[in-house]
Amino acid sequence: MLPIPEKPVRMALIGAGHRSHTIYQPIFEDLKPWIDLIAVCDPIREHADDLAGSLGARAYYDVHALVASEE
């Protein structure tokens, strides 16, 4: 087991398609000690909104806007 850091790494998930919903989404709860998922980015608004909503993250539809937000 890896040691739990003082603060989790803040990250954004790029892509909210099938793999993100079926593989990544179920494991994020277990990764919370290590990862703070703050954003989901996908050009298909419905995908980004759905996954971000279920993970408690902010949805972005353009990677340039995500980077510009400096989150």
Protein backbone atom coordinates (compact mmCIF):
# COMPACT_ATOMS: atom_id res chain seq x y z
CA MET A 1 0.00 0.00 0.00
CA LEU A 2 1.29 3.43 -0.91
CA PRO A 3 1.57 6.03 1.83
CA ILE A 4 -1.16 8.67 1.85
CA PRO A 5 0.28 12.08 0.99
CA GLU A 6 -0.35 15.21 3.04
CA LYS A 7 -2.36 16.66 0.16
CA PRO A 8 -3.77 14.78 -2.84
CA VAL A 9 -2.59 15.70 -6.33
CA ARG A 10 -5.08 17.96 -8.09
CA MET A 11 -5.90 16.64 -11.54
CA ALA A 12 -8.16 17.05 -14.53
CA LEU A 13 -9.52 14.16 -16.56
CA ILE A 14 -9.28 14.79 -20.29
CA GLY A 15 -11.92 12.77 -22.09
CA ALA A 16 -15.25 11.66 -20.67
CA GLY A 17 -16.21 8.89 -23.03
CA HIS A 18 -16.87 5.20 -22.55
CA ARG A 19 -13.54 4.32 -20.88
CA SER A 20 -13.82 7.19 -18.41
CA HIS A 21 -17.35 6.16 -17.42
CA THR A 22 -16.72 2.42 -17.19
CA ILE A 23 -13.14 2.17 -15.94
CA TYR A 24 -12.00 5.46 -14.37
CA GLN A 25 -15.20 6.65 -12.69
CA PRO A 26 -15.58 3.56 -10.44
CA ILE A 27 -12.02 3.84 -9.08
CA PHE A 28 -11.90 7.57 -8.30
CA GLU A 29 -13.58 7.08 -4.92
CA ASP A 30 -10.78 4.73 -3.88
CA LEU A 31 -8.14 7.14 -5.21
CA LYS A 32 -9.36 10.15 -3.17
CA PRO A 33 -6.47 10.00 -0.69
CA TRP A 34 -4.07 10.46 -3.62
CA ILE A 35 -6.09 12.36 -6.26
CA ASP A 36 -8.33 15.41 -6.06
CA LEU A 37 -10.25 15.39 -9.35
CA ILE A 38 -11.15 19.02 -9.96
CA ALA A 39 -12.15 19.03 -13.63
CA VAL A 40 -13.41 16.89 -16.49
CA CYS A 41 -12.87 18.04 -20.06
CA ASP A 42 -14.63 16.71 -23.15
CA PRO A 43 -15.85 18.50 -26.30
CA ILE A 44 -19.16 16.63 -26.05
CA ARG A 45 -20.94 18.73 -23.44
CA GLU A 46 -23.25 15.95 -22.27
CA HIS A 47 -20.30 13.64 -21.57
CA ALA A 48 -18.37 16.30 -19.67
CA ASP A 49 -21.42 17.45 -17.68
CA ASP A 50 -22.50 13.93 -16.77
CA LEU A 51 -19.12 12.68 -15.61
CA ALA A 52 -18.14 15.92 -13.87
CA GLY A 53 -21.46 15.96 -12.04
CA SER A 54 -21.10 12.41 -10.83
CA LEU A 55 -17.54 13.02 -9.64
CA GLY A 56 -18.08 16.44 -8.09
CA ALA A 57 -15.78 18.17 -10.56
CA ARG A 58 -16.15 21.15 -12.88
CA ALA A 59 -16.96 20.46 -16.55
CA TYR A 60 -14.95 21.98 -19.39
CA TYR A 61 -15.59 21.56 -23.10
CA ASP A 62 -12.29 22.84 -24.43
CA VAL A 63 -8.82 21.96 -23.14
CA HIS A 64 -7.61 25.52 -23.83
CA ALA A 65 -10.32 26.89 -21.52
CA LEU A 66 -9.35 24.36 -18.86
CA VAL A 67 -5.69 25.39 -19.00
CA ALA A 68 -6.60 29.08 -19.05
CA SER A 69 -8.67 28.65 -15.88
CA GLU A 70 -5.48 27.72 -13.99
CA GLU A 71 -7.41 25.27 -11.86
